[in-house]
Amino acid sequence: MSTTSETGNAPKATIRFAGSGLTLAADIYGDDNAPTVMLMHGGGQTRHAWGGAGAAFANAGYRAVSIDLRGHSDSDWSPDGDYSLQRYADDLIEVANTCSRPPALVGASLGGLASMLALATNSRSASTPLASCLVLVDVAPRIETAGRIKIQEFMRAGMRGFDNLEEAADAVALYNPHRPRPKDPSGLRKNLRQRGDGRWYWHWDPRFVSERNEAEEQSSTIVRTELSDAARLIDIPTMLVRGRMSDIVSDESVTELKELVPHAEIADVADAGHMVAGDRNDIFNAAVIDFVGRVMPVN
C-alpha cells in the first residue's frame, strides 16, 4: 500500500514494510536512491513525531524512513501481544536489510533501545554491518527510574481516553509543561483515534502498556544488563543527543554510556527535555544531520 503527497513538510509517500511476522507503516521523505536514514520514535509516539526531521533530512539529500513501531499507530499490533525489546529489534533488522546500503539509525527512547539491540543481534549473526551509524535520542542503557515512571503513568492515564482533543492537549501540556500548548489541538488527530463511545484514545495497542506489569519491573536489572552488553558491541560511529532538561538520561547515564561505547559523541541540547526533537527541532536536526553527514555523506 502506498499513498503520496507533495505538500510542505509532508512525506512523499506512506508505505508498508515487512517486519518480523507483521507489517509496519512508514513515511518516506526524499529521493529513493539517496542514502537512507531510519527514524524510530519512542514508546507511545508515532512516525509523525519525525515530520520535521524527515523533511530536513530530505532537504539535506537523504532518504528518510520514519517508521511506526509495532503496536503503534498504523503498524500491525503483535498477534501474541509480545512487545519485548527483541521483537522491536527484529523488526528494525528486517527494514534495514531492505536498504541498498547500511542506513543510519536514529532512535528516540524505545526506538533507540531497539536500535542498540538490533545492532548487537546482527553482529552476532551476520557478517555485514546493519547500519552505518547510530544516533541515540535521549536514551542510554541506564534510564533514570523517576523519568521512566513518569512516562508510564502518563501512558496508563491515557488508556481511559479523552472526551475531546482539547482534553488530550491538556494532558500533554501537563506532561510537558516547558513546551507551549498548541492553540489548535487538531494535530493530535494523527496520534489519537475516536472510537464508538465518542472518546479519543491514543492509537497504540493497550497491551503495550497493560502487559508491562510488576514482573517486568522486577526484571529491569536484567534488561539493563542486556542493553549494556549490546552497547559494548557497537563499533559504528555513535552519537547521543540529550536534552539537558531530561529526566531519563542523567550525567551518570552519559558517563556509563561513554564507558560502554568510548567512541560515542555527546550532544547536549539546552532547553529540551526527553522529547528533544520536538522541543528544539531546528537544533536537533542541525546536530544530527551534521553527524550523519560526516559518516554517510551524500554523493
Protein backbone atom coordinates (compact mmCIF):
# COMPACT_ATOMS: atom_id res chain seq x y z
CA MET A 1 0.00 0.00 0.00
CA SER A 2 1.26 3.48 -0.82
CA THR A 3 -0.16 6.96 -0.57
CA THR A 4 1.61 10.03 -1.90
CA SER A 5 1.83 13.72 -1.05
CA GLU A 6 3.95 16.67 -2.09
CA THR A 7 2.77 19.31 0.41
CA GLY A 8 5.29 21.26 2.53
CA ASN A 9 6.98 19.02 5.06
CA ALA A 10 4.62 16.15 4.32
CA PRO A 11 6.15 12.81 3.29
CA LYS A 12 6.12 11.96 -0.39
CA ALA A 13 4.69 8.51 0.34
CA THR A 14 3.46 6.21 3.08
CA ILE A 15 4.31 2.55 2.52
CA ARG A 16 4.41 -0.72 4.43
CA PHE A 17 7.49 -2.79 5.23
CA ALA A 18 7.59 -6.43 6.24
CA GLY A 19 8.73 -6.65 9.85
CA SER A 20 9.23 -9.79 11.87
CA GLY A 21 5.91 -11.56 11.36
CA LEU A 22 3.86 -8.41 10.73
CA THR A 23 3.90 -5.24 8.62
CA LEU A 24 4.97 -1.73 9.59
CA ALA A 25 3.74 1.61 8.27
CA ALA A 26 6.40 4.16 7.32
CA ASP A 27 6.54 7.66 5.85
CA ILE A 28 9.13 8.21 3.13
CA TYR A 29 10.90 11.53 2.54
CA GLY A 30 13.46 12.35 -0.16
CA ASP A 31 14.94 10.59 -3.17
CA ASP A 32 14.59 6.80 -3.21
CA ASN A 33 18.18 6.45 -4.43
CA ALA A 34 19.70 8.59 -1.68
CA PRO A 35 21.38 7.17 1.45
CA THR A 36 18.74 6.10 3.97
CA VAL A 37 18.17 7.41 7.47
CA MET A 38 15.77 5.30 9.55
CA LEU A 39 13.82 7.25 12.18
CA MET A 40 12.34 5.29 15.13
CA HIS A 41 10.04 7.02 17.63
CA GLY A 42 9.64 6.48 21.36
CA GLY A 43 7.07 4.38 23.16
CA GLY A 44 3.53 5.68 22.74
CA GLN A 45 4.54 8.00 19.90
CA THR A 46 4.08 7.58 16.13
CA ARG A 47 6.02 8.14 12.92
CA HIS A 48 4.56 11.66 12.81
CA ALA A 49 6.90 12.70 15.63
CA TRP A 50 9.66 12.87 13.00
CA GLY A 51 7.87 15.09 10.46
CA GLY A 52 10.30 17.98 10.81
CA ALA A 53 13.36 15.73 10.89
CA GLY A 54 12.19 13.70 7.89
CA ALA A 55 11.78 16.84 5.79
CA ALA A 56 15.12 18.22 6.99
CA PHE A 57 16.97 15.04 6.04
CA ALA A 58 15.29 15.04 2.63
CA ASN A 59 16.37 18.65 2.09
CA ALA A 60 19.91 17.61 3.02
CA GLY A 61 19.91 14.95 0.28
CA TYR A 62 18.89 11.84 2.23
CA ARG A 63 16.02 9.37 2.05
CA ALA A 64 14.32 9.39 5.44
CA VAL A 65 12.15 6.47 6.53
CA SER A 66 10.02 7.25 9.59
CA ILE A 67 8.57 4.03 10.99
CA ASP A 68 5.57 3.30 13.17
CA LEU A 69 6.91 0.71 15.60
CA ARG A 70 4.86 -2.46 16.07
CA GLY A 71 1.72 -1.87 18.09
CA HIS A 72 1.77 1.84 17.33
CA SER A 73 -0.40 3.95 15.00
CA ASP A 74 -0.83 2.32 11.58
CA SER A 75 1.60 -0.58 12.04
CA ASP A 76 0.27 -4.02 12.91
CA TRP A 77 -0.26 -4.98 16.53
CA SER A 78 1.64 -8.03 17.78
CA PRO A 79 -0.69 -11.03 17.33
CA ASP A 80 0.57 -12.53 20.58
CA GLY A 81 0.82 -9.24 22.47
CA ASP A 82 4.60 -9.59 22.74
CA TYR A 83 6.26 -6.17 22.89
CA SER A 84 9.66 -7.17 24.19
CA LEU A 85 12.66 -5.18 23.01
CA GLN A 86 13.88 -8.11 20.94
CA ARG A 87 10.70 -8.05 18.84
CA TYR A 88 11.25 -4.38 18.04
CA ALA A 89 14.89 -5.09 17.22
CA ASP A 90 13.93 -7.91 14.87
CA ASP A 91 11.56 -5.54 13.02
CA LEU A 92 14.31 -2.95 12.56
CA ILE A 93 16.69 -5.56 11.19
CA GLU A 94 14.11 -6.54 8.55
CA VAL A 95 13.62 -2.92 7.45
CA ALA A 96 17.35 -2.10 7.46
CA ASN A 97 18.05 -5.12 5.27
CA THR A 98 15.79 -3.68 2.54
CA CYS A 99 18.21 -0.76 2.07
CA SER A 100 20.76 -0.91 -0.72
CA ARG A 101 23.49 0.14 1.72
CA PRO A 102 23.63 0.24 5.53
CA PRO A 103 21.37 3.07 6.75
CA ALA A 104 21.82 5.50 9.61
CA LEU A 105 19.72 4.56 12.62
CA VAL A 106 18.15 7.42 14.59
CA GLY A 107 16.15 6.15 17.56
CA ALA A 108 14.38 8.05 20.33
CA SER A 109 13.77 6.33 23.67
CA LEU A 110 12.20 2.93 22.78
CA GLY A 111 13.43 3.33 19.19
CA GLY A 112 16.97 3.89 20.43
CA LEU A 113 16.94 0.89 22.75
CA ALA A 114 15.62 -1.30 19.94
CA SER A 115 18.34 0.03 17.64
CA MET A 116 21.08 -0.93 20.10
CA LEU A 117 19.68 -4.42 20.44
CA ALA A 118 19.25 -4.74 16.66
CA LEU A 119 22.91 -3.88 16.12
CA ALA A 120 24.00 -6.44 18.70
CA THR A 121 21.72 -9.13 17.27
CA ASN A 122 23.04 -8.51 13.77
CA SER A 123 26.69 -8.53 14.88
CA ARG A 124 26.21 -11.99 16.39
CA SER A 125 24.58 -13.50 13.30
CA ALA A 126 25.68 -11.58 10.19
CA SER A 127 28.99 -10.77 8.55
CA THR A 128 27.88 -7.43 7.11
CA PRO A 129 27.10 -4.29 9.15
CA LEU A 130 23.46 -3.49 9.76
CA ALA A 131 23.94 0.29 9.85
CA SER A 132 26.46 2.99 9.03
CA CYS A 133 25.97 4.93 12.27
CA LEU A 134 23.71 5.22 15.30
CA VAL A 135 22.06 8.26 16.89
CA LEU A 136 20.52 7.69 20.32
CA VAL A 137 17.96 10.38 21.15
CA ASP A 138 17.79 10.90 24.91
CA VAL A 139 18.23 7.26 25.81
CA ALA A 140 21.02 5.04 27.13
CA PRO A 141 21.27 1.64 28.82
CA ARG A 142 20.90 3.44 32.18
CA ILE A 143 17.43 5.01 32.37
CA GLU A 144 16.51 7.04 35.43
CA THR A 145 13.66 5.46 37.37
CA ALA A 146 11.74 8.66 38.11
CA GLY A 147 11.59 9.61 34.44
CA ARG A 148 10.55 6.11 33.39
CA ILE A 149 7.74 6.05 35.94
CA LYS A 150 6.52 9.48 34.77
CA ILE A 151 6.20 8.19 31.21
CA GLN A 152 4.43 5.02 32.31
CA GLU A 153 1.93 6.98 34.43
CA PHE A 154 1.17 9.31 31.52
CA MET A 155 0.54 6.40 29.20
CA ARG A 156 -1.60 4.48 31.68
CA ALA A 157 -3.71 7.56 32.38
CA GLY A 158 -4.31 7.96 28.63
CA MET A 159 -5.76 4.46 28.39
CA ARG A 160 -9.02 5.86 29.79
CA GLY A 161 -9.37 8.06 26.73
CA PHE A 162 -10.39 11.71 26.42
CA ASP A 163 -13.71 13.41 25.88
CA ASN A 164 -12.22 15.64 23.17
CA LEU A 165 -8.93 16.77 21.64
CA GLU A 166 -8.71 19.76 23.99
CA GLU A 167 -8.62 17.40 26.96
CA ALA A 168 -5.86 15.37 25.31
CA ALA A 169 -3.88 18.55 24.65
CA ASP A 170 -4.22 19.49 28.32
CA ALA A 171 -2.80 16.10 29.34
CA VAL A 172 0.19 16.54 27.02
CA ALA A 173 0.77 20.08 28.34
CA LEU A 174 0.75 18.77 31.91
CA TYR A 175 3.33 16.13 30.99
CA ASN A 176 5.49 18.65 29.06
CA PRO A 177 4.97 21.94 30.95
CA HIS A 178 8.02 23.60 29.38
CA ARG A 179 6.60 23.24 25.86
CA PRO A 180 3.94 25.77 24.75
CA ARG A 181 0.49 24.21 24.50
CA PRO A 182 -0.77 24.40 20.89
CA LYS A 183 -3.77 26.68 20.44
CA ASP A 184 -5.18 24.25 17.88
CA PRO A 185 -5.13 20.62 19.09
CA SER A 186 -6.23 19.18 15.73
CA GLY A 187 -2.69 17.92 15.08
CA LEU A 188 -3.33 15.30 17.75
CA ARG A 189 -5.64 13.53 15.33
CA LYS A 190 -2.50 11.85 13.96
CA ASN A 191 -1.92 10.18 17.33
CA LEU A 192 -5.48 9.58 18.53
CA ARG A 193 -8.48 7.68 17.22
CA GLN A 194 -12.13 8.31 18.08
CA ARG A 195 -13.96 5.10 18.99
CA GLY A 196 -17.62 4.18 19.03
CA ASP A 197 -18.11 5.62 22.52
CA GLY A 198 -17.16 9.06 21.16
CA ARG A 199 -13.98 9.28 23.23
CA TRP A 200 -10.46 9.74 21.83
CA TYR A 201 -7.76 7.16 22.56
CA TRP A 202 -4.03 7.07 21.86
CA HIS A 203 -3.54 4.87 18.81
CA TRP A 204 -1.42 2.07 20.20
CA ASP A 205 -2.16 -1.44 21.36
CA PRO A 206 -3.32 -1.28 25.01
CA ARG A 207 -1.31 -4.44 25.64
CA PHE A 208 1.84 -2.40 25.04
CA VAL A 209 1.18 -0.80 28.42
CA SER A 210 -1.04 -3.30 30.25
CA GLU A 211 1.45 -6.14 29.76
CA ARG A 212 4.20 -4.06 31.39
CA ASN A 213 3.34 -5.42 34.80
CA GLU A 214 5.13 -5.87 38.08
CA ALA A 215 7.07 -8.86 36.76
CA GLU A 216 8.63 -6.69 34.08
CA GLU A 217 9.54 -4.01 36.61
CA GLN A 218 11.36 -6.66 38.63
CA SER A 219 13.30 -7.69 35.55
CA SER A 220 14.54 -4.16 34.76
CA THR A 221 18.02 -5.05 36.01
CA ILE A 222 18.15 -7.93 33.53
CA VAL A 223 17.05 -5.62 30.70
CA ARG A 224 19.71 -3.06 31.63
CA THR A 225 22.39 -5.74 31.62
CA GLU A 226 21.20 -6.90 28.20
CA LEU A 227 21.38 -3.35 26.85
CA SER A 228 24.82 -2.78 28.37
CA ASP A 229 26.08 -5.96 26.72
CA ALA A 230 24.58 -4.77 23.43
CA ALA A 231 26.19 -1.34 23.76
CA ARG A 232 29.64 -2.89 24.21
CA LEU A 233 29.28 -4.46 20.76
CA ILE A 234 28.61 -1.15 18.99
CA ASP A 235 31.54 -0.50 16.68
CA ILE A 236 29.99 2.06 14.32
CA PRO A 237 30.04 5.85 14.79
CA THR A 238 27.59 6.72 17.55
CA MET A 239 26.13 9.91 18.98
CA LEU A 240 23.87 10.54 21.96
CA VAL A 241 21.67 13.63 21.70
CA ARG A 242 20.50 14.50 25.21
CA GLY A 243 18.00 17.09 26.37
CA ARG A 244 19.64 19.00 29.20
CA MET A 245 16.26 19.03 31.00
CA SER A 246 15.80 15.29 30.55
CA ASP A 247 14.60 13.18 33.47
CA ILE A 248 15.50 10.00 31.60
CA VAL A 249 19.21 10.45 30.77
CA SER A 250 21.34 11.77 33.65
CA ASP A 251 25.01 12.67 33.86
CA GLU A 252 25.55 9.18 35.27
CA SER A 253 23.79 7.72 32.22
CA VAL A 254 26.18 9.61 29.94
CA THR A 255 29.24 8.53 31.92
CA GLU A 256 28.17 4.90 31.74
CA LEU A 257 27.48 5.11 28.00
CA LYS A 258 30.96 6.57 27.41
CA GLU A 259 32.43 3.60 29.28
CA LEU A 260 30.43 1.16 27.17
CA VAL A 261 30.90 3.00 23.85
CA PRO A 262 34.12 5.03 24.23
CA HIS A 263 33.91 6.48 20.73
CA ALA A 264 30.39 7.89 21.25
CA GLU A 265 29.89 11.61 20.73
CA ILE A 266 27.63 13.54 23.10
CA ALA A 267 25.46 16.47 22.02
CA ASP A 268 23.55 18.30 24.75
CA VAL A 269 20.55 20.38 23.70
CA ALA A 270 19.69 23.22 26.07
CA ASP A 271 16.06 23.94 26.99
CA ALA A 272 14.99 20.48 25.83
CA GLY A 273 13.58 17.57 27.79
CA HIS A 274 13.12 13.93 26.88
CA MET A 275 11.29 14.87 23.66
CA VAL A 276 14.39 16.55 22.25
CA ALA A 277 13.37 16.55 18.59
CA GLY A 278 10.04 18.18 19.38
CA ASP A 279 11.35 20.64 21.97
CA ARG A 280 14.19 22.11 19.86
CA ASN A 281 13.63 20.74 16.37
CA ASP A 282 15.97 23.06 14.46
CA ILE A 283 18.89 22.50 16.84
CA PHE A 284 18.27 18.76 16.92
CA ASN A 285 18.09 18.49 13.12
CA ALA A 286 21.29 20.50 12.63
CA ALA A 287 23.27 18.37 15.10
CA VAL A 288 22.09 15.02 13.74
CA ILE A 289 22.39 15.95 10.06
CA ASP A 290 25.95 17.19 10.69
CA PHE A 291 26.86 13.91 12.40
CA VAL A 292 25.27 11.69 9.75
CA GLY A 293 26.83 13.83 7.01
CA ARG A 294 30.32 13.19 8.37
CA VAL A 295 29.74 9.43 8.48
CA MET A 296 27.47 8.89 5.49
CA PRO A 297 27.97 11.84 3.12
CA VAL A 298 25.62 12.41 0.23
CA ASN A 299 27.39 11.65 -3.04
